[in-house]
């Protein structure tokens, strides 16, 4: 509730993005109380607000203890979800599928580059490569990145499902919240789309992450959004009119926090995935070694 990102997004956009985390959090609470019908009802209602709640589906599917409880939860959720969309499915199915279910976010750009995504690092790499080398491989790299760009949603879905499966034995309420927070980090780190308000989807789950990641995420995203919005609305107190189109040039501090934010999410997502994979393989107890390096004084 006290997260600065929540304040800024709710004040300026006035949309339902801030409710996404609340819906998922309430769902997990009622799952922990063994109230699967009520949990499914709330989760299905969340689909009325933003279909992005489905990012939590793989985590919830693998975390639920048995097949019967999974059926009870997901059947209720799907039925509740369908109630809202069924009339539109009968009247204008093409609009529903094209405008809602196929909506993958917007690639927003400025005069100095994109506002989010690993595409910014690709641009940096191409610029640096062009200055240092003359070998004609840029076209091949463009094709490779374009392939990733066009298959981005499928790739992210595969990574998230794989990660949720690897974390399937962490089924307590706290662990589920933590896994969902990590899934959102993976999503933010790998995507090139969506707008400003998407960062608010996961704010309730940041507190479940390990402290270093939570601090880095809070500082980087708050710095980025605050500086960006102070520019866009023309006020350090964020009291002006929000006008993005009239501010196509981003300052160096804004670009720094943008790159910092994307780097934090990308780096943390890679850490989460590699750590849980190696943990399953028990590869030299990798996670314990990393924790000793991070918290040497608190590790017995």
C-alpha atoms as a PDB file:
ATOM      1  CA  UNK A   1       0.000   0.000   0.000  1.00  0.00           C
ATOM      2  CA  UNK A   2       2.872   2.381   0.776  1.00  0.00           C
ATOM      3  CA  UNK A   3       4.846   1.569  -2.359  1.00  0.00           C
ATOM      4  CA  UNK A   4       5.523   4.814  -4.297  1.00  0.00           C
ATOM      5  CA  UNK A   5       4.820   3.017  -7.561  1.00  0.00           C
ATOM      6  CA  UNK A   6       1.291   2.237  -6.391  1.00  0.00           C
ATOM      7  CA  UNK A   7       0.685   5.885  -5.498  1.00  0.00           C
ATOM      8  CA  UNK A   8       1.929   7.232  -8.814  1.00  0.00           C
ATOM      9  CA  UNK A   9       0.184   4.697 -11.046  1.00  0.00           C
ATOM     10  CA  UNK A  10      -3.156   4.918  -9.248  1.00  0.00           C
ATOM     11  CA  UNK A  11      -3.089   8.720  -9.259  1.00  0.00           C
ATOM     12  CA  UNK A  12      -2.181   9.256 -12.901  1.00  0.00           C
ATOM     13  CA  UNK A  13      -3.823   6.407 -14.766  1.00  0.00           C
ATOM     14  CA  UNK A  14      -6.854   5.700 -12.613  1.00  0.00           C
ATOM     15  CA  UNK A  15      -7.153   2.200 -14.059  1.00  0.00           C
ATOM     16  CA  UNK A  16      -7.465  -1.288 -12.631  1.00  0.00           C
ATOM     17  CA  UNK A  17      -3.800  -2.290 -12.845  1.00  0.00           C
ATOM     18  CA  UNK A  18      -3.266  -1.742  -9.120  1.00  0.00           C
ATOM     19  CA  UNK A  19      -5.985  -4.323  -8.416  1.00  0.00           C
ATOM     20  CA  UNK A  20      -4.148  -7.171 -10.163  1.00  0.00           C
ATOM     21  CA  UNK A  21      -1.809  -7.834  -7.241  1.00  0.00           C
ATOM     22  CA  UNK A  22      -4.684  -7.574  -4.771  1.00  0.00           C
ATOM     23  CA  UNK A  23      -6.720 -10.205  -6.645  1.00  0.00           C
ATOM     24  CA  UNK A  24      -3.817 -12.660  -6.781  1.00  0.00           C
ATOM     25  CA  UNK A  25      -2.916 -12.027  -3.141  1.00  0.00           C
ATOM     26  CA  UNK A  26      -6.528 -12.632  -2.035  1.00  0.00           C
ATOM     27  CA  UNK A  27      -6.597 -15.808  -4.130  1.00  0.00           C
ATOM     28  CA  UNK A  28      -3.533 -17.176  -2.363  1.00  0.00           C
ATOM     29  CA  UNK A  29      -4.967 -16.256   1.028  1.00  0.00           C
ATOM     30  CA  UNK A  30      -8.127 -18.294   0.458  1.00  0.00           C
ATOM     31  CA  UNK A  31      -6.121 -21.172  -0.997  1.00  0.00           C
ATOM     32  CA  UNK A  32      -4.150 -21.217   2.247  1.00  0.00           C
ATOM     33  CA  UNK A  33      -7.507 -21.440   4.064  1.00  0.00           C
ATOM     34  CA  UNK A  34      -8.527 -24.417   1.875  1.00  0.00           C
ATOM     35  CA  UNK A  35     -11.395 -22.374   0.402  1.00  0.00           C
ATOM     36  CA  UNK A  36     -10.754 -23.321  -3.215  1.00  0.00           C
ATOM     37  CA  UNK A  37     -14.174 -22.341  -4.565  1.00  0.00           C
ATOM     38  CA  UNK A  38     -13.893 -18.837  -3.132  1.00  0.00           C
ATOM     39  CA  UNK A  39     -10.287 -18.574  -4.318  1.00  0.00           C
ATOM     40  CA  UNK A  40     -11.340 -19.611  -7.826  1.00  0.00           C
ATOM     41  CA  UNK A  41     -14.193 -17.109  -7.784  1.00  0.00           C
ATOM     42  CA  UNK A  42     -11.834 -14.245  -6.882  1.00  0.00           C
ATOM     43  CA  UNK A  43      -9.217 -15.318  -9.407  1.00  0.00           C
ATOM     44  CA  UNK A  44     -11.824 -15.582 -12.164  1.00  0.00           C
ATOM     45  CA  UNK A  45     -13.105 -12.127 -11.257  1.00  0.00           C
ATOM     46  CA  UNK A  46      -9.527 -10.871 -11.611  1.00  0.00           C
ATOM     47  CA  UNK A  47      -9.719 -11.911 -15.256  1.00  0.00           C
ATOM     48  CA  UNK A  48     -12.519  -9.377 -15.702  1.00  0.00           C
ATOM     49  CA  UNK A  49     -10.091  -6.636 -14.698  1.00  0.00           C
ATOM     50  CA  UNK A  50      -6.891  -7.692 -16.484  1.00  0.00           C
ATOM     51  CA  UNK A  51      -6.223 -10.988 -18.222  1.00  0.00           C
ATOM     52  CA  UNK A  52      -2.598 -10.645 -17.079  1.00  0.00           C
ATOM     53  CA  UNK A  53      -3.576 -12.490 -13.873  1.00  0.00           C
ATOM     54  CA  UNK A  54      -2.968 -15.659 -15.895  1.00  0.00           C
ATOM     55  CA  UNK A  55       0.745 -15.146 -15.209  1.00  0.00           C
ATOM     56  CA  UNK A  56       0.007 -16.658 -11.801  1.00  0.00           C
ATOM     57  CA  UNK A  57      -1.764 -19.727 -13.266  1.00  0.00           C
ATOM     58  CA  UNK A  58       1.302 -21.984 -13.651  1.00  0.00           C
ATOM     59  CA  UNK A  59       2.417 -21.232 -10.089  1.00  0.00           C
ATOM     60  CA  UNK A  60      -1.037 -21.941  -8.647  1.00  0.00           C
ATOM     61  CA  UNK A  61      -1.493 -25.070 -10.769  1.00  0.00           C
ATOM     62  CA  UNK A  62       1.720 -26.713  -9.608  1.00  0.00           C
ATOM     63  CA  UNK A  63       1.411 -25.466  -6.012  1.00  0.00           C
ATOM     64  CA  UNK A  64      -2.062 -26.918  -5.369  1.00  0.00           C
ATOM     65  CA  UNK A  65      -1.645 -30.216  -3.530  1.00  0.00           C
ATOM     66  CA  UNK A  66      -3.737 -32.647  -5.608  1.00  0.00           C
ATOM     67  CA  UNK A  67      -5.773 -33.063  -8.786  1.00  0.00           C
ATOM     68  CA  UNK A  68      -9.175 -32.695  -7.107  1.00  0.00           C
ATOM     69  CA  UNK A  69      -8.309 -29.325  -5.593  1.00  0.00           C
ATOM     70  CA  UNK A  70      -6.857 -28.128  -8.883  1.00  0.00           C
ATOM     71  CA  UNK A  71     -10.078 -29.023 -10.671  1.00  0.00           C
ATOM     72  CA  UNK A  72     -12.202 -27.315  -8.026  1.00  0.00           C
ATOM     73  CA  UNK A  73     -10.154 -24.125  -8.190  1.00  0.00           C
ATOM     74  CA  UNK A  74      -9.649 -23.830 -11.951  1.00  0.00           C
ATOM     75  CA  UNK A  75     -13.181 -24.873 -12.966  1.00  0.00           C
ATOM     76  CA  UNK A  76     -14.574 -22.189 -10.661  1.00  0.00           C
ATOM     77  CA  UNK A  77     -12.080 -19.635 -11.989  1.00  0.00           C
ATOM     78  CA  UNK A  78     -12.800 -20.453 -15.647  1.00  0.00           C
ATOM     79  CA  UNK A  79     -16.563 -20.347 -15.132  1.00  0.00           C
ATOM     80  CA  UNK A  80     -16.340 -16.996 -13.335  1.00  0.00           C
ATOM     81  CA  UNK A  81     -13.991 -15.661 -15.996  1.00  0.00           C
ATOM     82  CA  UNK A  82     -16.350 -16.773 -18.772  1.00  0.00           C
ATOM     83  CA  UNK A  83     -19.396 -15.002 -17.314  1.00  0.00           C
ATOM     84  CA  UNK A  84     -17.916 -11.601 -18.124  1.00  0.00           C
ATOM     85  CA  UNK A  85     -16.754 -12.455 -21.644  1.00  0.00           C
ATOM     86  CA  UNK A  86     -19.588 -14.708 -22.798  1.00  0.00           C
ATOM     87  CA  UNK A  87     -21.925 -11.915 -24.023  1.00  0.00           C
ATOM     88  CA  UNK A  88     -19.123 -10.328 -26.067  1.00  0.00           C
ATOM     89  CA  UNK A  89     -18.173 -13.753 -27.403  1.00  0.00           C
ATOM     90  CA  UNK A  90     -21.667 -14.087 -28.844  1.00  0.00           C
ATOM     91  CA  UNK A  91     -21.932 -10.522 -30.155  1.00  0.00           C
ATOM     92  CA  UNK A  92     -18.455  -9.586 -31.419  1.00  0.00           C
ATOM     93  CA  UNK A  93     -16.086 -12.569 -31.102  1.00  0.00           C
ATOM     94  CA  UNK A  94     -13.501 -11.081 -33.485  1.00  0.00           C
ATOM     95  CA  UNK A  95     -13.221  -7.927 -31.348  1.00  0.00           C
ATOM     96  CA  UNK A  96     -12.865  -9.992 -28.188  1.00  0.00           C
ATOM     97  CA  UNK A  97     -10.079 -12.157 -29.569  1.00  0.00           C
ATOM     98  CA  UNK A  98      -8.198  -9.408 -31.406  1.00  0.00           C
ATOM     99  CA  UNK A  99      -8.501  -6.594 -28.875  1.00  0.00           C
ATOM    100  CA  UNK A 100      -8.408  -8.525 -25.596  1.00  0.00           C
ATOM    101  CA  UNK A 101      -6.967 -12.020 -25.800  1.00  0.00           C
ATOM    102  CA  UNK A 102      -4.384 -11.230 -28.485  1.00  0.00           C
ATOM    103  CA  UNK A 103      -3.354  -7.964 -26.898  1.00  0.00           C
ATOM    104  CA  UNK A 104       0.310  -8.208 -26.034  1.00  0.00           C
ATOM    105  CA  UNK A 105       1.104  -4.726 -24.830  1.00  0.00           C
ATOM    106  CA  UNK A 106       2.393  -1.720 -26.713  1.00  0.00           C
ATOM    107  CA  UNK A 107       5.969  -1.085 -27.816  1.00  0.00           C
ATOM    108  CA  UNK A 108       6.308   2.555 -26.724  1.00  0.00           C
ATOM    109  CA  UNK A 109       9.259   4.512 -28.054  1.00  0.00           C
ATOM    110  CA  UNK A 110      10.719   8.009 -27.744  1.00  0.00           C
ATOM    111  CA  UNK A 111      13.262  10.071 -29.675  1.00  0.00           C
ATOM    112  CA  UNK A 112      16.041   8.431 -27.647  1.00  0.00           C
ATOM    113  CA  UNK A 113      14.790   4.842 -27.636  1.00  0.00           C
ATOM    114  CA  UNK A 114      12.220   2.581 -26.091  1.00  0.00           C
ATOM    115  CA  UNK A 115      10.758   3.003 -22.624  1.00  0.00           C
ATOM    116  CA  UNK A 116      11.333  -0.625 -21.605  1.00  0.00           C
ATOM    117  CA  UNK A 117      12.688  -3.997 -22.626  1.00  0.00           C
ATOM    118  CA  UNK A 118      15.843  -5.888 -23.473  1.00  0.00           C
ATOM    119  CA  UNK A 119      15.631  -4.218 -26.862  1.00  0.00           C
ATOM    120  CA  UNK A 120      17.464  -1.244 -25.318  1.00  0.00           C
ATOM    121  CA  UNK A 121      20.503  -3.421 -24.638  1.00  0.00           C
ATOM    122  CA  UNK A 122      20.341  -4.799 -28.157  1.00  0.00           C
ATOM    123  CA  UNK A 123      20.493  -1.237 -29.457  1.00  0.00           C
ATOM    124  CA  UNK A 124      23.517  -0.521 -27.278  1.00  0.00           C
ATOM    125  CA  UNK A 125      25.212  -3.686 -28.522  1.00  0.00           C
ATOM    126  CA  UNK A 126      24.588  -2.872 -32.199  1.00  0.00           C
ATOM    127  CA  UNK A 127      25.875   0.685 -31.758  1.00  0.00           C
ATOM    128  CA  UNK A 128      29.023  -0.528 -30.009  1.00  0.00           C
ATOM    129  CA  UNK A 129      29.598  -3.341 -32.514  1.00  0.00           C
ATOM    130  CA  UNK A 130      29.238  -0.940 -35.449  1.00  0.00           C
ATOM    131  CA  UNK A 131      31.932   1.295 -33.965  1.00  0.00           C
ATOM    132  CA  UNK A 132      34.405  -1.508 -33.265  1.00  0.00           C
ATOM    133  CA  UNK A 133      33.963  -3.973 -36.121  1.00  0.00           C
ATOM    134  CA  UNK A 134      33.196  -3.971 -39.816  1.00  0.00           C
ATOM    135  CA  UNK A 135      32.130  -7.603 -40.208  1.00  0.00           C
ATOM    136  CA  UNK A 136      28.656  -7.729 -41.774  1.00  0.00           C
ATOM    137  CA  UNK A 137      26.777  -9.748 -39.169  1.00  0.00           C
ATOM    138  CA  UNK A 138      24.388  -7.016 -38.020  1.00  0.00           C
ATOM    139  CA  UNK A 139      21.743  -8.232 -40.456  1.00  0.00           C
ATOM    140  CA  UNK A 140      21.956 -11.739 -39.008  1.00  0.00           C
ATOM    141  CA  UNK A 141      21.680 -10.362 -35.491  1.00  0.00           C
ATOM    142  CA  UNK A 142      18.649  -8.333 -36.535  1.00  0.00           C
ATOM    143  CA  UNK A 143      16.981 -11.483 -37.826  1.00  0.00           C
ATOM    144  CA  UNK A 144      17.773 -13.324 -34.605  1.00  0.00           C
ATOM    145  CA  UNK A 145      16.408 -10.561 -32.417  1.00  0.00           C
ATOM    146  CA  UNK A 146      13.372 -10.143 -34.658  1.00  0.00           C
ATOM    147  CA  UNK A 147      12.677 -13.871 -34.206  1.00  0.00           C
ATOM    148  CA  UNK A 148      12.795 -13.421 -30.436  1.00  0.00           C
ATOM    149  CA  UNK A 149      10.668 -10.285 -30.696  1.00  0.00           C
ATOM    150  CA  UNK A 150       7.939 -12.024 -32.695  1.00  0.00           C
ATOM    151  CA  UNK A 151       7.935 -15.132 -30.456  1.00  0.00           C
ATOM    152  CA  UNK A 152       8.390 -13.251 -27.211  1.00  0.00           C
ATOM    153  CA  UNK A 153       5.122 -14.252 -25.554  1.00  0.00           C
ATOM    154  CA  UNK A 154       5.621 -17.950 -26.297  1.00  0.00           C
ATOM    155  CA  UNK A 155       9.205 -17.867 -24.988  1.00  0.00           C
ATOM    156  CA  UNK A 156       8.180 -16.052 -21.799  1.00  0.00           C
ATOM    157  CA  UNK A 157       5.319 -18.510 -21.265  1.00  0.00           C
ATOM    158  CA  UNK A 158       7.679 -21.490 -21.603  1.00  0.00           C
ATOM    159  CA  UNK A 159      10.176 -19.963 -19.171  1.00  0.00           C
ATOM    160  CA  UNK A 160       7.477 -19.109 -16.605  1.00  0.00           C
ATOM    161  CA  UNK A 161       5.854 -22.553 -16.794  1.00  0.00           C
ATOM    162  CA  UNK A 162       9.260 -24.221 -16.457  1.00  0.00           C
ATOM    163  CA  UNK A 163      10.165 -22.080 -13.469  1.00  0.00           C
ATOM    164  CA  UNK A 164       6.809 -22.718 -11.787  1.00  0.00           C
ATOM    165  CA  UNK A 165       7.311 -26.447 -12.258  1.00  0.00           C
ATOM    166  CA  UNK A 166      10.775 -26.311 -10.717  1.00  0.00           C
ATOM    167  CA  UNK A 167       9.292 -24.469  -7.716  1.00  0.00           C
ATOM    168  CA  UNK A 168       6.298 -26.812  -7.385  1.00  0.00           C
ATOM    169  CA  UNK A 169       7.378 -28.230  -4.022  1.00  0.00           C
ATOM    170  CA  UNK A 170       7.382 -24.762  -2.438  1.00  0.00           C
ATOM    171  CA  UNK A 171       3.653 -24.799  -1.728  1.00  0.00           C
ATOM    172  CA  UNK A 172       3.201 -22.760   1.463  1.00  0.00           C
ATOM    173  CA  UNK A 173       1.379 -19.426   1.157  1.00  0.00           C
ATOM    174  CA  UNK A 174       4.625 -17.506   1.657  1.00  0.00           C
ATOM    175  CA  UNK A 175       6.454 -19.600  -0.943  1.00  0.00           C
ATOM    176  CA  UNK A 176       3.632 -19.200  -3.473  1.00  0.00           C
ATOM    177  CA  UNK A 177       3.729 -15.425  -3.032  1.00  0.00           C
ATOM    178  CA  UNK A 178       7.492 -15.475  -3.448  1.00  0.00           C
ATOM    179  CA  UNK A 179       7.320 -17.599  -6.596  1.00  0.00           C
ATOM    180  CA  UNK A 180       4.711 -15.276  -8.116  1.00  0.00           C
ATOM    181  CA  UNK A 181       6.935 -12.285  -7.320  1.00  0.00           C
ATOM    182  CA  UNK A 182       9.810 -14.037  -9.062  1.00  0.00           C
ATOM    183  CA  UNK A 183       7.582 -14.908 -12.048  1.00  0.00           C
ATOM    184  CA  UNK A 184       6.729 -11.235 -12.475  1.00  0.00           C
ATOM    185  CA  UNK A 185      10.447 -10.414 -12.351  1.00  0.00           C
ATOM    186  CA  UNK A 186      11.020 -12.936 -15.149  1.00  0.00           C
ATOM    187  CA  UNK A 187       8.197 -11.382 -17.147  1.00  0.00           C
ATOM    188  CA  UNK A 188       9.519  -7.839 -16.713  1.00  0.00           C
ATOM    189  CA  UNK A 189      13.052  -8.938 -17.507  1.00  0.00           C
ATOM    190  CA  UNK A 190      12.238 -10.723 -20.767  1.00  0.00           C
ATOM    191  CA  UNK A 191       9.484  -8.575 -22.268  1.00  0.00           C
ATOM    192  CA  UNK A 192       9.794  -5.622 -24.627  1.00  0.00           C
ATOM    193  CA  UNK A 193       6.174  -4.526 -24.473  1.00  0.00           C
ATOM    194  CA  UNK A 194       3.591  -3.045 -22.137  1.00  0.00           C
ATOM    195  CA  UNK A 195       3.381   0.455 -20.729  1.00  0.00           C
ATOM    196  CA  UNK A 196       4.203   2.335 -17.575  1.00  0.00           C
ATOM    197  CA  UNK A 197       1.502   0.964 -15.292  1.00  0.00           C
ATOM    198  CA  UNK A 198       2.474  -2.701 -15.665  1.00  0.00           C
ATOM    199  CA  UNK A 199       5.048  -2.432 -12.905  1.00  0.00           C
ATOM    200  CA  UNK A 200       2.257  -2.013 -10.366  1.00  0.00           C
ATOM    201  CA  UNK A 201       0.921  -5.525 -11.018  1.00  0.00           C
ATOM    202  CA  UNK A 202       3.522  -7.135  -8.788  1.00  0.00           C
ATOM    203  CA  UNK A 203       4.116  -4.582  -6.021  1.00  0.00           C
ATOM    204  CA  UNK A 204       2.449  -6.707  -3.264  1.00  0.00           C
ATOM    205  CA  UNK A 205       4.858  -9.541  -4.000  1.00  0.00           C
ATOM    206  CA  UNK A 206       8.108  -7.574  -3.767  1.00  0.00           C
ATOM    207  CA  UNK A 207       8.072  -7.942   0.021  1.00  0.00           C
ATOM    208  CA  UNK A 208       8.317 -11.734  -0.377  1.00  0.00           C
ATOM    209  CA  UNK A 209      11.527 -11.545  -2.407  1.00  0.00           C
ATOM    210  CA  UNK A 210      14.950 -11.689  -0.841  1.00  0.00           C
ATOM    211  CA  UNK A 211      15.878  -8.320   0.632  1.00  0.00           C
ATOM    212  CA  UNK A 212      18.625  -7.309  -1.848  1.00  0.00           C
ATOM    213  CA  UNK A 213      16.339  -7.882  -4.830  1.00  0.00           C
ATOM    214  CA  UNK A 214      13.423  -6.105  -3.161  1.00  0.00           C
ATOM    215  CA  UNK A 215      15.574  -3.049  -2.433  1.00  0.00           C
ATOM    216  CA  UNK A 216      17.077  -2.910  -5.924  1.00  0.00           C
ATOM    217  CA  UNK A 217      13.644  -3.264  -7.521  1.00  0.00           C
ATOM    218  CA  UNK A 218      12.078  -0.597  -5.311  1.00  0.00           C
ATOM    219  CA  UNK A 219      14.900   1.923  -5.832  1.00  0.00           C
ATOM    220  CA  UNK A 220      15.299   1.394  -9.566  1.00  0.00           C
ATOM    221  CA  UNK A 221      11.608   1.391 -10.509  1.00  0.00           C
ATOM    222  CA  UNK A 222      10.707   4.281  -8.200  1.00  0.00           C
ATOM    223  CA  UNK A 223      13.590   6.335  -9.561  1.00  0.00           C
ATOM    224  CA  UNK A 224      12.611   5.583 -13.141  1.00  0.00           C
ATOM    225  CA  UNK A 225       8.874   6.208 -12.815  1.00  0.00           C
ATOM    226  CA  UNK A 226       9.237   9.292 -10.626  1.00  0.00           C
ATOM    227  CA  UNK A 227      11.793  10.992 -12.893  1.00  0.00           C
ATOM    228  CA  UNK A 228       9.860  10.028 -16.020  1.00  0.00           C
ATOM    229  CA  UNK A 229       6.549  11.294 -14.659  1.00  0.00           C
ATOM    230  CA  UNK A 230       8.070  14.486 -13.296  1.00  0.00           C
ATOM    231  CA  UNK A 231       9.253  15.173 -16.851  1.00  0.00           C
ATOM    232  CA  UNK A 232       6.003  14.161 -18.503  1.00  0.00           C
ATOM    233  CA  UNK A 233       3.805  16.249 -16.197  1.00  0.00           C
ATOM    234  CA  UNK A 234       6.305  19.113 -15.840  1.00  0.00           C
ATOM    235  CA  UNK A 235       6.393  19.106 -12.042  1.00  0.00           C
ATOM    236  CA  UNK A 236       8.745  17.698  -9.420  1.00  0.00           C
ATOM    237  CA  UNK A 237       5.673  17.366  -7.191  1.00  0.00           C
ATOM    238  CA  UNK A 238       3.816  15.411  -9.892  1.00  0.00           C
ATOM    239  CA  UNK A 239       0.890  17.826  -9.914  1.00  0.00           C
ATOM    240  CA  UNK A 240       0.874  18.848 -13.600  1.00  0.00           C
ATOM    241  CA  UNK A 241      -1.022  17.461 -16.552  1.00  0.00           C
ATOM    242  CA  UNK A 242       0.327  14.108 -17.741  1.00  0.00           C
ATOM    243  CA  UNK A 243       1.391  14.644 -21.365  1.00  0.00           C
ATOM    244  CA  UNK A 244       3.737  11.985 -22.705  1.00  0.00           C
ATOM    245  CA  UNK A 245       3.454  12.945 -26.384  1.00  0.00           C
ATOM    246  CA  UNK A 246       4.911  16.410 -25.753  1.00  0.00           C
ATOM    247  CA  UNK A 247       8.070  15.038 -24.122  1.00  0.00           C
ATOM    248  CA  UNK A 248       9.771  12.756 -26.679  1.00  0.00           C
ATOM    249  CA  UNK A 249      13.279  13.280 -25.254  1.00  0.00           C
ATOM    250  CA  UNK A 250      14.328  11.520 -22.059  1.00  0.00           C
ATOM    251  CA  UNK A 251      17.058  12.916 -19.828  1.00  0.00           C
ATOM    252  CA  UNK A 252      20.204  10.962 -18.947  1.00  0.00           C
ATOM    253  CA  UNK A 253      19.049  10.293 -15.344  1.00  0.00           C
ATOM    254  CA  UNK A 254      15.799   8.824 -16.693  1.00  0.00           C
ATOM    255  CA  UNK A 255      17.692   6.648 -19.165  1.00  0.00           C
ATOM    256  CA  UNK A 256      20.031   5.516 -16.382  1.00  0.00           C
ATOM    257  CA  UNK A 257      17.167   4.407 -14.135  1.00  0.00           C
ATOM    258  CA  UNK A 258      15.399   2.817 -17.117  1.00  0.00           C
ATOM    259  CA  UNK A 259      18.486   0.735 -17.921  1.00  0.00           C
ATOM    260  CA  UNK A 260      19.040   0.033 -14.226  1.00  0.00           C
ATOM    261  CA  UNK A 261      15.459  -1.191 -13.788  1.00  0.00           C
ATOM    262  CA  UNK A 262      15.540  -3.492 -16.802  1.00  0.00           C
ATOM    263  CA  UNK A 263      18.950  -4.800 -15.712  1.00  0.00           C
ATOM    264  CA  UNK A 264      17.673  -5.575 -12.215  1.00  0.00           C
ATOM    265  CA  UNK A 265      14.700  -7.554 -13.509  1.00  0.00           C
ATOM    266  CA  UNK A 266      16.717  -9.342 -16.180  1.00  0.00           C
ATOM    267  CA  UNK A 267      19.557 -10.166 -13.793  1.00  0.00           C
ATOM    268  CA  UNK A 268      17.260 -11.291 -10.985  1.00  0.00           C
ATOM    269  CA  UNK A 269      15.205 -13.472 -13.330  1.00  0.00           C
ATOM    270  CA  UNK A 270      18.346 -15.201 -14.564  1.00  0.00           C
ATOM    271  CA  UNK A 271      19.483 -15.671 -10.963  1.00  0.00           C
ATOM    272  CA  UNK A 272      16.116 -17.137  -9.906  1.00  0.00           C
ATOM    273  CA  UNK A 273      15.993 -19.591 -12.787  1.00  0.00           C
ATOM    274  CA  UNK A 274      19.611 -20.729 -12.613  1.00  0.00           C
ATOM    275  CA  UNK A 275      19.495 -21.023  -8.829  1.00  0.00           C
ATOM    276  CA  UNK A 276      16.378 -23.163  -8.690  1.00  0.00           C
ATOM    277  CA  UNK A 277      17.633 -25.342 -11.561  1.00  0.00           C
ATOM    278  CA  UNK A 278      20.982 -25.940  -9.891  1.00  0.00           C
ATOM    279  CA  UNK A 279      19.272 -26.447  -6.569  1.00  0.00           C
ATOM    280  CA  UNK A 280      17.244 -29.273  -8.054  1.00  0.00           C
ATOM    281  CA  UNK A 281      20.456 -30.750  -9.411  1.00  0.00           C
ATOM    282  CA  UNK A 282      22.131 -30.131  -6.034  1.00  0.00           C
ATOM    283  CA  UNK A 283      25.085 -28.731  -7.957  1.00  0.00           C
ATOM    284  CA  UNK A 284      27.589 -27.944  -5.167  1.00  0.00           C
ATOM    285  CA  UNK A 285      24.696 -26.501  -3.166  1.00  0.00           C
ATOM    286  CA  UNK A 286      24.864 -23.403  -5.351  1.00  0.00           C
ATOM    287  CA  UNK A 287      22.206 -21.441  -3.538  1.00  0.00           C
ATOM    288  CA  UNK A 288      23.820 -21.954  -0.151  1.00  0.00           C
ATOM    289  CA  UNK A 289      27.155 -20.766  -1.514  1.00  0.00           C
ATOM    290  CA  UNK A 290      25.556 -17.630  -2.955  1.00  0.00           C
ATOM    291  CA  UNK A 291      23.819 -16.880   0.328  1.00  0.00           C
ATOM    292  CA  UNK A 292      27.109 -17.247   2.198  1.00  0.00           C
ATOM    293  CA  UNK A 293      28.670 -14.734  -0.174  1.00  0.00           C
ATOM    294  CA  UNK A 294      25.758 -12.285   0.262  1.00  0.00           C
ATOM    295  CA  UNK A 295      25.197 -12.768   3.989  1.00  0.00           C
ATOM    296  CA  UNK A 296      28.526 -13.984   5.420  1.00  0.00           C
ATOM    297  CA  UNK A 297      27.826 -12.747   8.951  1.00  0.00           C
ATOM    298  CA  UNK A 298      24.361 -14.322   9.186  1.00  0.00           C
ATOM    299  CA  UNK A 299      25.154 -17.726   7.735  1.00  0.00           C
ATOM    300  CA  UNK A 300      25.979 -20.511  10.166  1.00  0.00           C
END
